[in-house]
């Protein structure tokens, strides 16, 4: 059974690929750890398109949803700069 975070990531990655059809693959990994007694989350994305690859690691956030949004915003900036 998928967690809510996994389902959210899959949905957002599918939308990203729909917005940038040249993207051939996008693998993701959500990292979660404790820091100063508080949970921290960061999303890592491995985005590939013809002749390119970009590894995007979003900044640490307090919730998985915030980490997903932050990483995807960063991914969009990377894709916009590369004209993917």
Protein backbone atom coordinates (compact mmCIF):
# COMPACT_ATOMS: atom_id res chain seq x y z
CA UNK A 1 0.00 0.00 0.00
CA UNK A 2 1.37 3.40 -1.00
CA UNK A 3 1.81 6.14 1.51
CA UNK A 4 0.16 9.49 0.95
CA UNK A 5 3.60 11.00 0.29
CA UNK A 6 4.44 8.37 -2.35
CA UNK A 7 1.12 8.93 -4.12
CA UNK A 8 1.69 12.70 -4.06
CA UNK A 9 5.19 12.33 -5.50
CA UNK A 10 3.98 10.03 -8.29
CA UNK A 11 1.18 12.47 -9.15
CA UNK A 12 3.50 15.50 -9.20
CA UNK A 13 6.16 13.69 -11.26
CA UNK A 14 3.49 12.64 -13.77
CA UNK A 15 2.38 16.27 -14.08
CA UNK A 16 6.00 17.37 -14.50
CA UNK A 17 6.48 14.84 -17.30
CA UNK A 18 3.24 16.02 -18.90
CA UNK A 19 4.43 19.64 -18.83
CA UNK A 20 7.88 18.68 -20.16
CA UNK A 21 7.32 15.85 -22.66
CA UNK A 22 11.02 15.61 -23.54
CA UNK A 23 11.67 14.21 -20.06
CA UNK A 24 12.27 10.52 -20.64
CA UNK A 25 12.46 9.46 -17.00
CA UNK A 26 12.23 10.90 -13.53
CA UNK A 27 13.17 8.77 -10.54
CA UNK A 28 12.50 10.03 -7.04
CA UNK A 29 13.46 9.29 -3.47
CA UNK A 30 12.05 10.93 -0.36
CA UNK A 31 14.54 11.10 2.49
CA UNK A 32 13.24 11.50 6.06
CA UNK A 33 15.30 12.00 9.23
CA UNK A 34 15.13 13.60 12.66
CA UNK A 35 16.99 16.82 13.37
CA UNK A 36 16.82 18.49 16.78
CA UNK A 37 13.84 16.29 17.64
CA UNK A 38 11.88 17.41 14.56
CA UNK A 39 11.20 15.42 11.39
CA UNK A 40 12.89 16.70 8.23
CA UNK A 41 12.16 15.66 4.66
CA UNK A 42 13.96 16.16 1.36
CA UNK A 43 13.02 14.92 -2.11
CA UNK A 44 15.69 13.82 -4.57
CA UNK A 45 14.87 13.70 -8.30
CA UNK A 46 16.93 12.14 -11.10
CA UNK A 47 15.54 13.77 -14.26
CA UNK A 48 16.66 12.62 -17.72
CA UNK A 49 15.90 13.90 -21.19
CA UNK A 50 17.79 13.49 -24.50
CA UNK A 51 21.48 14.20 -24.00
CA UNK A 52 20.91 15.47 -20.43
CA UNK A 53 20.58 14.38 -16.83
CA UNK A 54 19.96 16.52 -13.78
CA UNK A 55 19.98 15.49 -10.16
CA UNK A 56 17.78 17.79 -8.10
CA UNK A 57 17.75 17.64 -4.32
CA UNK A 58 15.17 19.89 -2.77
CA UNK A 59 15.89 21.71 0.46
CA UNK A 60 14.95 20.08 3.76
CA UNK A 61 11.44 20.88 4.94
CA UNK A 62 9.32 20.04 7.96
CA UNK A 63 6.69 18.07 6.03
CA UNK A 64 6.86 15.65 3.13
CA UNK A 65 4.38 17.77 1.15
CA UNK A 66 6.54 20.88 1.57
CA UNK A 67 9.63 18.91 0.51
CA UNK A 68 7.84 17.64 -2.61
CA UNK A 69 6.75 21.16 -3.58
CA UNK A 70 10.24 22.60 -2.99
CA UNK A 71 12.00 19.94 -5.06
CA UNK A 72 9.52 20.20 -7.92
CA UNK A 73 9.85 23.99 -8.00
CA UNK A 74 13.59 23.52 -8.28
CA UNK A 75 13.14 20.88 -11.01
CA UNK A 76 10.97 23.26 -13.04
CA UNK A 77 13.69 25.93 -12.81
CA UNK A 78 16.28 23.42 -14.06
CA UNK A 79 14.05 22.29 -16.92
CA UNK A 80 13.19 25.87 -17.91
CA UNK A 81 16.88 26.79 -18.02
CA UNK A 82 17.66 23.78 -20.21
CA UNK A 83 14.62 24.23 -22.46
CA UNK A 84 13.64 20.58 -21.98
